[in-house]
């Protein structure tokens, strides 16, 4: 099961149309640009895990309950140094690291899809009402990643311009 996010923001369609015109004029490859967007999103997700939700506009992930900490698999693992114990014992959403490492992306000429096939990810990502499991968003909103994607697009256009000038 893939967790996906769709961006919908006023002005994005017009920006995309202008980008398409520039790409055609400069001989750009939309799949290559989408690949770069996907890489940018995967980096954002990794940094978000590293900071335990610290990149989110709505605040960091809710701390683990003591009962969760007590049942952690890593807590049963032999950790030799105090530094290892601090680093590995109670990272939010990172008991085994499986979900963090499961994010992938696919890009083609029409879109980029970033997500995970880990079935329980949807419960953390969903904004459905909940009683026990707190929401811990892993994927960025457009507001959180949009400026980075815009820089990526501008850099790509600049590369295409330079290639065109050197021919």
Foldseek 3Di string as FASTA:
>chain_A
DWDWDDADDPPPVVVVVVLVVLCVVLVHAQQVLQVVVQVLQLVQLLVCQVVQNPLAPVDHDDFDDPVCLVPQPVVVPDDPDPVSCVPQRGRPPPSPPVQNVQWDWHTHNPHITITGPPVCLCVQQDPDDDDPDHRRHRGYHCVSCVVVSVVSSVVSSVVSVVVVVVD
